[in-house]
Amino acid sequence: MVEMSSGLIKLKKGSEQAVANWKEVMSSRSDEVHDSMCAEEVHIESWFEIEVNGDTYLQWYMSADSIDKAVEIFHQSTKPIDKFHLEFLNEVAEEGVIVAKPIMNFIQ
């Protein structure tokens, strides 16, 4: 059974350049990203940028065999792309994450 997760990360003010760099690096190293996703048993990982009342957020959506296992593997990873991704999130994220509660999922 596939699990899903989504949530919002509020960005610190002035993070625009770091976000642009992160998007460029992750896109240009997509082979490494896909290798990490395989190790984490992640099927889909999508990111969105959202503005609410003047604040900017990143929203993620993920489907994986096990969300908890995927997060654990990501945090323990020594892969350069995972380290880059984690350092980026630590650099730009305000404290706290808003995690969405999944209520429905339709797969064809």
PDB file of N, CA and C in Angstrom:
ATOM      1  N   MET A   1       0.837  -1.185   0.000  1.00  0.00           N
ATOM      2  CA  MET A   1       0.000   0.000   0.000  1.00  0.00           C
ATOM      3  C   MET A   1       0.878   1.243   0.000  1.00  0.00           C
ATOM      4  N   VAL A   2       0.536   2.200  -0.781  1.00  0.00           N
ATOM      5  CA  VAL A   2       1.297   3.444  -0.895  1.00  0.00           C
ATOM      6  C   VAL A   2       0.746   4.471   0.096  1.00  0.00           C
ATOM      7  N   GLU A   3       1.657   5.121   0.811  1.00  0.00           N
ATOM      8  CA  GLU A   3       1.284   6.188   1.738  1.00  0.00           C
ATOM      9  C   GLU A   3       1.542   7.534   1.078  1.00  0.00           C
ATOM     10  N   MET A   4       0.901   8.580   1.577  1.00  0.00           N
ATOM     11  CA  MET A   4       1.123   9.918   1.043  1.00  0.00           C
ATOM     12  C   MET A   4       1.295  10.902   2.180  1.00  0.00           C
ATOM     13  N   SER A   5       1.976  12.006   1.863  1.00  0.00           N
ATOM     14  CA  SER A   5       2.225  13.050   2.841  1.00  0.00           C
ATOM     15  C   SER A   5       2.326  14.381   2.117  1.00  0.00           C
ATOM     16  N   SER A   6       1.906  15.424   2.806  1.00  0.00           N
ATOM     17  CA  SER A   6       2.017  16.767   2.255  1.00  0.00           C
ATOM     18  C   SER A   6       2.120  17.746   3.413  1.00  0.00           C
ATOM     19  N   GLY A   7       2.685  18.898   3.135  1.00  0.00           N
ATOM     20  CA  GLY A   7       2.782  19.905   4.177  1.00  0.00           C
ATOM     21  C   GLY A   7       3.375  21.192   3.666  1.00  0.00           C
ATOM     22  N   LEU A   8       3.430  22.173   4.563  1.00  0.00           N
ATOM     23  CA  LEU A   8       3.944  23.496   4.234  1.00  0.00           C
ATOM     24  C   LEU A   8       5.144  23.831   5.106  1.00  0.00           C
ATOM     25  N   ILE A   9       6.128  24.464   4.478  1.00  0.00           N
ATOM     26  CA  ILE A   9       7.302  24.974   5.173  1.00  0.00           C
ATOM     27  C   ILE A   9       7.331  26.477   4.936  1.00  0.00           C
ATOM     28  N   LYS A  10       7.198  27.256   6.011  1.00  0.00           N
ATOM     29  CA  LYS A  10       7.258  28.710   5.881  1.00  0.00           C
ATOM     30  C   LYS A  10       8.710  29.120   5.669  1.00  0.00           C
ATOM     31  N   LEU A  11       8.936  29.940   4.637  1.00  0.00           N
ATOM     32  CA  LEU A  11      10.291  30.377   4.313  1.00  0.00           C
ATOM     33  C   LEU A  11      10.653  31.650   5.072  1.00  0.00           C
ATOM     34  N   LYS A  12      11.906  31.741   5.453  1.00  0.00           N
ATOM     35  CA  LYS A  12      12.421  32.967   6.048  1.00  0.00           C
ATOM     36  C   LYS A  12      12.397  34.063   4.994  1.00  0.00           C
ATOM     37  N   LYS A  13      12.206  35.277   5.428  1.00  0.00           N
ATOM     38  CA  LYS A  13      12.257  36.422   4.512  1.00  0.00           C
ATOM     39  C   LYS A  13      13.633  36.475   3.859  1.00  0.00           C
ATOM     40  N   GLY A  14      13.663  36.822   2.578  1.00  0.00           N
ATOM     41  CA  GLY A  14      14.927  36.936   1.863  1.00  0.00           C
ATOM     42  C   GLY A  14      15.484  35.613   1.351  1.00  0.00           C
ATOM     43  N   SER A  15      14.655  34.582   1.285  1.00  0.00           N
ATOM     44  CA  SER A  15      15.115  33.261   0.843  1.00  0.00           C
ATOM     45  C   SER A  15      14.998  33.049  -0.661  1.00  0.00           C
ATOM     46  N   GLU A  16      14.587  34.060  -1.390  1.00  0.00           N
ATOM     47  CA  GLU A  16      14.302  33.890  -2.821  1.00  0.00           C
ATOM     48  C   GLU A  16      15.491  33.353  -3.603  1.00  0.00           C
ATOM     49  N   GLN A  17      16.680  33.874  -3.375  1.00  0.00           N
ATOM     50  CA  GLN A  17      17.854  33.426  -4.118  1.00  0.00           C
ATOM     51  C   GLN A  17      18.224  31.988  -3.762  1.00  0.00           C
ATOM     52  N   ALA A  18      18.095  31.644  -2.496  1.00  0.00           N
ATOM     53  CA  ALA A  18      18.387  30.266  -2.080  1.00  0.00           C
ATOM     54  C   ALA A  18      17.404  29.287  -2.715  1.00  0.00           C
ATOM     55  N   VAL A  19      16.129  29.683  -2.804  1.00  0.00           N
ATOM     56  CA  VAL A  19      15.123  28.822  -3.437  1.00  0.00           C
ATOM     57  C   VAL A  19      15.440  28.658  -4.925  1.00  0.00           C
ATOM     58  N   ALA A  20      15.791  29.742  -5.589  1.00  0.00           N
ATOM     59  CA  ALA A  20      16.126  29.676  -7.015  1.00  0.00           C
ATOM     60  C   ALA A  20      17.324  28.760  -7.243  1.00  0.00           C
ATOM     61  N   ASN A  21      18.339  28.860  -6.399  1.00  0.00           N
ATOM     62  CA  ASN A  21      19.523  28.009  -6.508  1.00  0.00           C
ATOM     63  C   ASN A  21      19.156  26.552  -6.265  1.00  0.00           C
ATOM     64  N   TRP A  22      18.345  26.283  -5.238  1.00  0.00           N
ATOM     65  CA  TRP A  22      17.910  24.924  -4.913  1.00  0.00           C
ATOM     66  C   TRP A  22      17.170  24.302  -6.098  1.00  0.00           C
ATOM     67  N   LYS A  23      16.240  25.067  -6.692  1.00  0.00           N
ATOM     68  CA  LYS A  23      15.499  24.549  -7.850  1.00  0.00           C
ATOM     69  C   LYS A  23      16.450  24.202  -8.990  1.00  0.00           C
ATOM     70  N   GLU A  24      17.412  25.066  -9.242  1.00  0.00           N
ATOM     71  CA  GLU A  24      18.366  24.843 -10.331  1.00  0.00           C
ATOM     72  C   GLU A  24      19.234  23.612 -10.071  1.00  0.00           C
ATOM     73  N   VAL A  25      19.765  23.502  -8.853  1.00  0.00           N
ATOM     74  CA  VAL A  25      20.646  22.380  -8.520  1.00  0.00           C
ATOM     75  C   VAL A  25      19.875  21.060  -8.554  1.00  0.00           C
ATOM     76  N   MET A  26      18.708  21.025  -7.933  1.00  0.00           N
ATOM     77  CA  MET A  26      17.938  19.778  -7.899  1.00  0.00           C
ATOM     78  C   MET A  26      17.536  19.349  -9.311  1.00  0.00           C
ATOM     79  N   SER A  27      17.153  20.302 -10.138  1.00  0.00           N
ATOM     80  CA  SER A  27      16.767  19.977 -11.518  1.00  0.00           C
ATOM     81  C   SER A  27      17.951  19.484 -12.331  1.00  0.00           C
ATOM     82  N   SER A  28      19.100  20.125 -12.150  1.00  0.00           N
ATOM     83  CA  SER A  28      20.273  19.750 -12.940  1.00  0.00           C
ATOM     84  C   SER A  28      20.884  18.427 -12.480  1.00  0.00           C
ATOM     85  N   ARG A  29      20.526  17.989 -11.287  1.00  0.00           N
ATOM     86  CA  ARG A  29      21.059  16.731 -10.746  1.00  0.00           C
ATOM     87  C   ARG A  29      19.932  15.712 -10.549  1.00  0.00           C
ATOM     88  N   SER A  30      18.998  15.714 -11.474  1.00  0.00           N
ATOM     89  CA  SER A  30      17.803  14.871 -11.338  1.00  0.00           C
ATOM     90  C   SER A  30      18.134  13.375 -11.269  1.00  0.00           C
ATOM     91  N   ASP A  31      19.218  12.946 -11.898  1.00  0.00           N
ATOM     92  CA  ASP A  31      19.600  11.530 -11.794  1.00  0.00           C
ATOM     93  C   ASP A  31      19.902  11.152 -10.348  1.00  0.00           C
ATOM     94  N   GLU A  32      20.612  12.031  -9.635  1.00  0.00           N
ATOM     95  CA  GLU A  32      20.901  11.783  -8.221  1.00  0.00           C
ATOM     96  C   GLU A  32      19.626  11.802  -7.390  1.00  0.00           C
ATOM     97  N   VAL A  33      18.733  12.732  -7.721  1.00  0.00           N
ATOM     98  CA  VAL A  33      17.448  12.814  -7.012  1.00  0.00           C
ATOM     99  C   VAL A  33      16.681  11.507  -7.188  1.00  0.00           C
ATOM    100  N   HIS A  34      16.622  11.009  -8.407  1.00  0.00           N
ATOM    101  CA  HIS A  34      15.904   9.765  -8.678  1.00  0.00           C
ATOM    102  C   HIS A  34      16.546   8.579  -7.952  1.00  0.00           C
ATOM    103  N   ASP A  35      17.868   8.536  -7.885  1.00  0.00           N
ATOM    104  CA  ASP A  35      18.552   7.469  -7.138  1.00  0.00           C
ATOM    105  C   ASP A  35      18.168   7.509  -5.661  1.00  0.00           C
ATOM    106  N   SER A  36      18.109   8.715  -5.100  1.00  0.00           N
ATOM    107  CA  SER A  36      17.710   8.857  -3.696  1.00  0.00           C
ATOM    108  C   SER A  36      16.263   8.433  -3.492  1.00  0.00           C
ATOM    109  N   MET A  37      15.411   8.822  -4.428  1.00  0.00           N
ATOM    110  CA  MET A  37      14.004   8.434  -4.327  1.00  0.00           C
ATOM    111  C   MET A  37      13.857   6.912  -4.344  1.00  0.00           C
ATOM    112  N   CYS A  38      14.645   6.246  -5.164  1.00  0.00           N
ATOM    113  CA  CYS A  38      14.605   4.775  -5.206  1.00  0.00           C
ATOM    114  C   CYS A  38      15.023   4.190  -3.861  1.00  0.00           C
ATOM    115  N   ALA A  39      16.097   4.702  -3.286  1.00  0.00           N
ATOM    116  CA  ALA A  39      16.573   4.220  -1.987  1.00  0.00           C
ATOM    117  C   ALA A  39      15.535   4.452  -0.895  1.00  0.00           C
ATOM    118  N   GLU A  40      14.801   5.550  -1.005  1.00  0.00           N
ATOM    119  CA  GLU A  40      13.780   5.914  -0.017  1.00  0.00           C
ATOM    120  C   GLU A  40      12.428   5.258  -0.312  1.00  0.00           C
ATOM    121  N   GLU A  41      12.334   4.555  -1.444  1.00  0.00           N
ATOM    122  CA  GLU A  41      11.082   3.952  -1.912  1.00  0.00           C
ATOM    123  C   GLU A  41       9.991   5.009  -2.064  1.00  0.00           C
ATOM    124  N   VAL A  42      10.398   6.162  -2.601  1.00  0.00           N
ATOM    125  CA  VAL A  42       9.479   7.268  -2.888  1.00  0.00           C
ATOM    126  C   VAL A  42       9.072   7.174  -4.351  1.00  0.00           C
ATOM    127  N   HIS A  43       7.780   7.264  -4.606  1.00  0.00           N
ATOM    128  CA  HIS A  43       7.252   7.180  -5.966  1.00  0.00           C
ATOM    129  C   HIS A  43       7.057   8.556  -6.592  1.00  0.00           C
ATOM    130  N   ILE A  44       6.590   9.504  -5.792  1.00  0.00           N
ATOM    131  CA  ILE A  44       6.346  10.869  -6.271  1.00  0.00           C
ATOM    132  C   ILE A  44       6.835  11.833  -5.198  1.00  0.00           C
ATOM    133  N   GLU A  45       7.564  12.856  -5.633  1.00  0.00           N
ATOM    134  CA  GLU A  45       7.925  13.962  -4.744  1.00  0.00           C
ATOM    135  C   GLU A  45       7.756  15.237  -5.558  1.00  0.00           C
ATOM    136  N   SER A  46       6.818  16.061  -5.131  1.00  0.00           N
ATOM    137  CA  SER A  46       6.515  17.311  -5.839  1.00  0.00           C
ATOM    138  C   SER A  46       6.636  18.467  -4.863  1.00  0.00           C
ATOM    139  N   TRP A  47       7.084  19.605  -5.392  1.00  0.00           N
ATOM    140  CA  TRP A  47       7.245  20.815  -4.590  1.00  0.00           C
ATOM    141  C   TRP A  47       6.525  21.971  -5.261  1.00  0.00           C
ATOM    142  N   PHE A  48       5.908  22.825  -4.444  1.00  0.00           N
ATOM    143  CA  PHE A  48       5.162  23.985  -4.924  1.00  0.00           C
ATOM    144  C   PHE A  48       5.539  25.190  -4.073  1.00  0.00           C
ATOM    145  N   GLU A  49       5.479  26.357  -4.673  1.00  0.00           N
ATOM    146  CA  GLU A  49       5.715  27.608  -3.945  1.00  0.00           C
ATOM    147  C   GLU A  49       4.370  28.312  -3.797  1.00  0.00           C
ATOM    148  N   ILE A  50       4.049  28.721  -2.571  1.00  0.00           N
ATOM    149  CA  ILE A  50       2.743  29.317  -2.271  1.00  0.00           C
ATOM    150  C   ILE A  50       2.956  30.621  -1.513  1.00  0.00           C
ATOM    151  N   GLU A  51       2.187  31.654  -1.880  1.00  0.00           N
ATOM    152  CA  GLU A  51       2.193  32.918  -1.136  1.00  0.00           C
ATOM    153  C   GLU A  51       0.860  33.053  -0.404  1.00  0.00           C
ATOM    154  N   VAL A  52       0.921  33.338   0.906  1.00  0.00           N
ATOM    155  CA  VAL A  52      -0.268  33.542   1.721  1.00  0.00           C
ATOM    156  C   VAL A  52      -0.031  34.761   2.605  1.00  0.00           C
ATOM    157  N   ASN A  53      -0.850  35.784   2.411  1.00  0.00           N
ATOM    158  CA  ASN A  53      -0.759  36.991   3.233  1.00  0.00           C
ATOM    159  C   ASN A  53       0.663  37.555   3.313  1.00  0.00           C
ATOM    160  N   GLY A  54       1.369  37.547   2.192  1.00  0.00           N
ATOM    161  CA  GLY A  54       2.711  38.114   2.137  1.00  0.00           C
ATOM    162  C   GLY A  54       3.822  37.181   2.586  1.00  0.00           C
ATOM    163  N   ASP A  55       3.475  36.003   3.068  1.00  0.00           N
ATOM    164  CA  ASP A  55       4.480  35.016   3.463  1.00  0.00           C
ATOM    165  C   ASP A  55       4.604  33.967   2.366  1.00  0.00           C
ATOM    166  N   THR A  56       5.812  33.455   2.181  1.00  0.00           N
ATOM    167  CA  THR A  56       6.054  32.447   1.162  1.00  0.00           C
ATOM    168  C   THR A  56       6.298  31.100   1.833  1.00  0.00           C
ATOM    169  N   TYR A  57       5.689  30.083   1.250  1.00  0.00           N
ATOM    170  CA  TYR A  57       5.804  28.722   1.750  1.00  0.00           C
ATOM    171  C   TYR A  57       6.242  27.798   0.618  1.00  0.00           C
ATOM    172  N   LEU A  58       6.919  26.723   0.984  1.00  0.00           N
ATOM    173  CA  LEU A  58       7.105  25.598   0.084  1.00  0.00           C
ATOM    174  C   LEU A  58       6.128  24.523   0.533  1.00  0.00           C
ATOM    175  N   GLN A  59       5.429  23.947  -0.425  1.00  0.00           N
ATOM    176  CA  GLN A  59       4.549  22.820  -0.132  1.00  0.00           C
ATOM    177  C   GLN A  59       5.138  21.595  -0.791  1.00  0.00           C
ATOM    178  N   TRP A  60       5.183  20.494  -0.059  1.00  0.00           N
ATOM    179  CA  TRP A  60       5.638  19.245  -0.651  1.00  0.00           C
ATOM    180  C   TRP A  60       4.478  18.271  -0.704  1.00  0.00           C
ATOM    181  N   TYR A  61       4.553  17.373  -1.674  1.00  0.00           N
ATOM    182  CA  TYR A  61       3.656  16.216  -1.754  1.00  0.00           C
ATOM    183  C   TYR A  61       4.537  15.013  -2.039  1.00  0.00           C
ATOM    184  N   MET A  62       4.301  13.934  -1.316  1.00  0.00           N
ATOM    185  CA  MET A  62       5.106  12.741  -1.496  1.00  0.00           C
ATOM    186  C   MET A  62       4.217  11.508  -1.391  1.00  0.00           C
ATOM    187  N   SER A  63       4.482  10.535  -2.239  1.00  0.00           N
ATOM    188  CA  SER A  63       3.902   9.211  -2.046  1.00  0.00           C
ATOM    189  C   SER A  63       5.063   8.226  -1.994  1.00  0.00           C
ATOM    190  N   ALA A  64       4.963   7.294  -1.055  1.00  0.00           N
ATOM    191  CA  ALA A  64       6.049   6.341  -0.818  1.00  0.00           C
ATOM    192  C   ALA A  64       5.475   5.063  -0.223  1.00  0.00           C
ATOM    193  N   ASP A  65       6.275   4.009  -0.270  1.00  0.00           N
ATOM    194  CA  ASP A  65       5.853   2.763   0.365  1.00  0.00           C
ATOM    195  C   ASP A  65       5.636   2.984   1.863  1.00  0.00           C
ATOM    196  N   SER A  66       6.519   3.763   2.481  1.00  0.00           N
ATOM    197  CA  SER A  66       6.396   4.132   3.895  1.00  0.00           C
ATOM    198  C   SER A  66       6.974   5.535   4.061  1.00  0.00           C
ATOM    199  N   ILE A  67       6.135   6.485   4.444  1.00  0.00           N
ATOM    200  CA  ILE A  67       6.603   7.867   4.634  1.00  0.00           C
ATOM    201  C   ILE A  67       7.651   7.918   5.741  1.00  0.00           C
ATOM    202  N   ASP A  68       7.384   7.245   6.862  1.00  0.00           N
ATOM    203  CA  ASP A  68       8.341   7.267   7.976  1.00  0.00           C
ATOM    204  C   ASP A  68       9.701   6.713   7.553  1.00  0.00           C
ATOM    205  N   LYS A  69       9.691   5.612   6.818  1.00  0.00           N
ATOM    206  CA  LYS A  69      10.947   5.010   6.355  1.00  0.00           C
ATOM    207  C   LYS A  69      11.662   5.937   5.376  1.00  0.00           C
ATOM    208  N   ALA A  70      10.917   6.571   4.475  1.00  0.00           N
ATOM    209  CA  ALA A  70      11.514   7.491   3.500  1.00  0.00           C
ATOM    210  C   ALA A  70      12.187   8.660   4.207  1.00  0.00           C
ATOM    211  N   VAL A  71      11.528   9.228   5.207  1.00  0.00           N
ATOM    212  CA  VAL A  71      12.089  10.360   5.955  1.00  0.00           C
ATOM    213  C   VAL A  71      13.335   9.920   6.720  1.00  0.00           C
ATOM    214  N   GLU A  72      13.276   8.749   7.337  1.00  0.00           N
ATOM    215  CA  GLU A  72      14.425   8.233   8.081  1.00  0.00           C
ATOM    216  C   GLU A  72      15.630   8.031   7.161  1.00  0.00           C
ATOM    217  N   ILE A  73      15.410   7.410   6.019  1.00  0.00           N
ATOM    218  CA  ILE A  73      16.500   7.175   5.068  1.00  0.00           C
ATOM    219  C   ILE A  73      17.076   8.500   4.584  1.00  0.00           C
ATOM    220  N   PHE A  74      16.212   9.472   4.275  1.00  0.00           N
ATOM    221  CA  PHE A  74      16.664  10.796   3.831  1.00  0.00           C
ATOM    222  C   PHE A  74      17.552  11.448   4.889  1.00  0.00           C
ATOM    223  N   HIS A  75      17.121  11.434   6.145  1.00  0.00           N
ATOM    224  CA  HIS A  75      17.882  12.096   7.207  1.00  0.00           C
ATOM    225  C   HIS A  75      19.200  11.395   7.515  1.00  0.00           C
ATOM    226  N   GLN A  76      19.288  10.101   7.236  1.00  0.00           N
ATOM    227  CA  GLN A  76      20.521   9.352   7.493  1.00  0.00           C
ATOM    228  C   GLN A  76      21.425   9.275   6.267  1.00  0.00           C
ATOM    229  N   SER A  77      20.961   9.777   5.151  1.00  0.00           N
ATOM    230  CA  SER A  77      21.699   9.652   3.900  1.00  0.00           C
ATOM    231  C   SER A  77      23.019  10.423   3.931  1.00  0.00           C
ATOM    232  N   THR A  78      24.012   9.825   3.286  1.00  0.00           N
ATOM    233  CA  THR A  78      25.301  10.505   3.102  1.00  0.00           C
ATOM    234  C   THR A  78      25.473  10.966   1.652  1.00  0.00           C
ATOM    235  N   LYS A  79      24.434  10.790   0.845  1.00  0.00           N
ATOM    236  CA  LYS A  79      24.505  11.196  -0.567  1.00  0.00           C
ATOM    237  C   LYS A  79      24.593  12.726  -0.652  1.00  0.00           C
ATOM    238  N   PRO A  80      25.484  13.233  -1.502  1.00  0.00           N
ATOM    239  CA  PRO A  80      25.657  14.687  -1.617  1.00  0.00           C
ATOM    240  C   PRO A  80      24.358  15.436  -1.929  1.00  0.00           C
ATOM    241  N   ILE A  81      23.500  14.882  -2.785  1.00  0.00           N
ATOM    242  CA  ILE A  81      22.269  15.597  -3.142  1.00  0.00           C
ATOM    243  C   ILE A  81      21.316  15.666  -1.952  1.00  0.00           C
ATOM    244  N   ASP A  82      21.283  14.627  -1.140  1.00  0.00           N
ATOM    245  CA  ASP A  82      20.435  14.647   0.051  1.00  0.00           C
ATOM    246  C   ASP A  82      20.976  15.628   1.089  1.00  0.00           C
ATOM    247  N   LYS A  83      22.293  15.665   1.240  1.00  0.00           N
ATOM    248  CA  LYS A  83      22.899  16.635   2.160  1.00  0.00           C
ATOM    249  C   LYS A  83      22.596  18.061   1.707  1.00  0.00           C
ATOM    250  N   PHE A  84      22.710  18.306   0.398  1.00  0.00           N
ATOM    251  CA  PHE A  84      22.402  19.623  -0.151  1.00  0.00           C
ATOM    252  C   PHE A  84      20.943  19.992   0.132  1.00  0.00           C
ATOM    253  N   HIS A  85      20.039  19.064  -0.117  1.00  0.00           N
ATOM    254  CA  HIS A  85      18.605  19.303   0.091  1.00  0.00           C
ATOM    255  C   HIS A  85      18.314  19.610   1.563  1.00  0.00           C
ATOM    256  N   LEU A  86      18.866  18.828   2.464  1.00  0.00           N
ATOM    257  CA  LEU A  86      18.642  19.029   3.896  1.00  0.00           C
ATOM    258  C   LEU A  86      19.244  20.346   4.380  1.00  0.00           C
ATOM    259  N   GLU A  87      20.449  20.673   3.916  1.00  0.00           N
ATOM    260  CA  GLU A  87      21.070  21.950   4.290  1.00  0.00           C
ATOM    261  C   GLU A  87      20.227  23.124   3.799  1.00  0.00           C
ATOM    262  N   PHE A  88      19.685  23.004   2.583  1.00  0.00           N
ATOM    263  CA  PHE A  88      18.808  24.052   2.051  1.00  0.00           C
ATOM    264  C   PHE A  88      17.595  24.232   2.956  1.00  0.00           C
ATOM    265  N   LEU A  89      16.938  23.142   3.297  1.00  0.00           N
ATOM    266  CA  LEU A  89      15.744  23.243   4.135  1.00  0.00           C
ATOM    267  C   LEU A  89      16.076  23.855   5.491  1.00  0.00           C
ATOM    268  N   ASN A  90      17.188  23.463   6.081  1.00  0.00           N
ATOM    269  CA  ASN A  90      17.588  24.031   7.370  1.00  0.00           C
ATOM    270  C   ASN A  90      17.902  25.521   7.258  1.00  0.00           C
ATOM    271  N   GLU A  91      18.422  25.931   6.108  1.00  0.00           N
ATOM    272  CA  GLU A  91      18.792  27.338   5.887  1.00  0.00           C
ATOM    273  C   GLU A  91      17.568  28.238   5.720  1.00  0.00           C
ATOM    274  N   VAL A  92      16.569  27.785   5.000  1.00  0.00           N
ATOM    275  CA  VAL A  92      15.475  28.680   4.598  1.00  0.00           C
ATOM    276  C   VAL A  92      14.194  28.537   5.412  1.00  0.00           C
ATOM    277  N   ALA A  93      14.037  27.453   6.153  1.00  0.00           N
ATOM    278  CA  ALA A  93      12.769  27.186   6.827  1.00  0.00           C
ATOM    279  C   ALA A  93      12.657  27.926   8.152  1.00  0.00           C
ATOM    280  N   GLU A  94      11.490  28.547   8.355  1.00  0.00           N
ATOM    281  CA  GLU A  94      11.147  29.049   9.684  1.00  0.00           C
ATOM    282  C   GLU A  94      10.938  27.818  10.564  1.00  0.00           C
ATOM    283  N   GLU A  95      10.918  28.023  11.866  1.00  0.00           N
ATOM    284  CA  GLU A  95      10.693  26.881  12.753  1.00  0.00           C
ATOM    285  C   GLU A  95       9.293  26.328  12.556  1.00  0.00           C
ATOM    286  N   GLY A  96       9.205  25.014  12.620  1.00  0.00           N
ATOM    287  CA  GLY A  96       7.919  24.350  12.527  1.00  0.00           C
ATOM    288  C   GLY A  96       7.501  24.080  11.096  1.00  0.00           C
ATOM    289  N   VAL A  97       6.760  23.026  10.929  1.00  0.00           N
ATOM    290  CA  VAL A  97       6.241  22.606   9.638  1.00  0.00           C
ATOM    291  C   VAL A  97       4.759  22.335   9.822  1.00  0.00           C
ATOM    292  N   ILE A  98       3.965  22.740   8.869  1.00  0.00           N
ATOM    293  CA  ILE A  98       2.534  22.447   8.909  1.00  0.00           C
ATOM    294  C   ILE A  98       2.325  21.185   8.081  1.00  0.00           C
ATOM    295  N   VAL A  99       1.955  20.101   8.731  1.00  0.00           N
ATOM    296  CA  VAL A  99       1.751  18.827   8.046  1.00  0.00           C
ATOM    297  C   VAL A  99       0.264  18.656   7.775  1.00  0.00           C
ATOM    298  N   ALA A 100      -0.057  18.338   6.531  1.00  0.00           N
ATOM    299  CA  ALA A 100      -1.444  18.114   6.144  1.00  0.00           C
ATOM    300  C   ALA A 100      -1.852  16.684   6.503  1.00  0.00           C
ATOM    301  N   LYS A 101      -3.084  16.518   6.902  1.00  0.00           N
ATOM    302  CA  LYS A 101      -3.626  15.198   7.220  1.00  0.00           C
ATOM    303  C   LYS A 101      -4.285  14.641   5.953  1.00  0.00           C
ATOM    304  N   PRO A 102      -3.763  13.530   5.427  1.00  0.00           N
ATOM    305  CA  PRO A 102      -4.383  12.949   4.238  1.00  0.00           C
ATOM    306  C   PRO A 102      -5.803  12.461   4.548  1.00  0.00           C
ATOM    307  N   ILE A 103      -6.734  12.779   3.657  1.00  0.00           N
ATOM    308  CA  ILE A 103      -8.096  12.301   3.859  1.00  0.00           C
ATOM    309  C   ILE A 103      -8.626  11.480   2.689  1.00  0.00           C
ATOM    310  N   MET A 104      -8.056  11.671   1.487  1.00  0.00           N
ATOM    311  CA  MET A 104      -8.467  10.891   0.315  1.00  0.00           C
ATOM    312  C   MET A 104      -7.314  10.794  -0.651  1.00  0.00           C
ATOM    313  N   ASN A 105      -7.286   9.687  -1.381  1.00  0.00           N
ATOM    314  CA  ASN A 105      -6.284   9.491  -2.408  1.00  0.00           C
ATOM    315  C   ASN A 105      -6.896   8.601  -3.475  1.00  0.00           C
ATOM    316  N   PHE A 106      -6.905   9.067  -4.695  1.00  0.00           N
ATOM    317  CA  PHE A 106      -7.441   8.292  -5.812  1.00  0.00           C
ATOM    318  C   PHE A 106      -6.315   7.969  -6.774  1.00  0.00           C
ATOM    319  N   ILE A 107      -6.170   6.716  -7.092  1.00  0.00           N
ATOM    320  CA  ILE A 107      -5.151   6.276  -8.037  1.00  0.00           C
ATOM    321  C   ILE A 107      -5.838   5.475  -9.127  1.00  0.00           C
ATOM    322  N   GLN A 108      -5.526   5.798 -10.341  1.00  0.00           N
ATOM    323  CA  GLN A 108      -6.112   5.070 -11.464  1.00  0.00           C
ATOM    324  C   GLN A 108      -5.180   3.992 -11.943  1.00  0.00           C
TER     325      GLN A 108
END
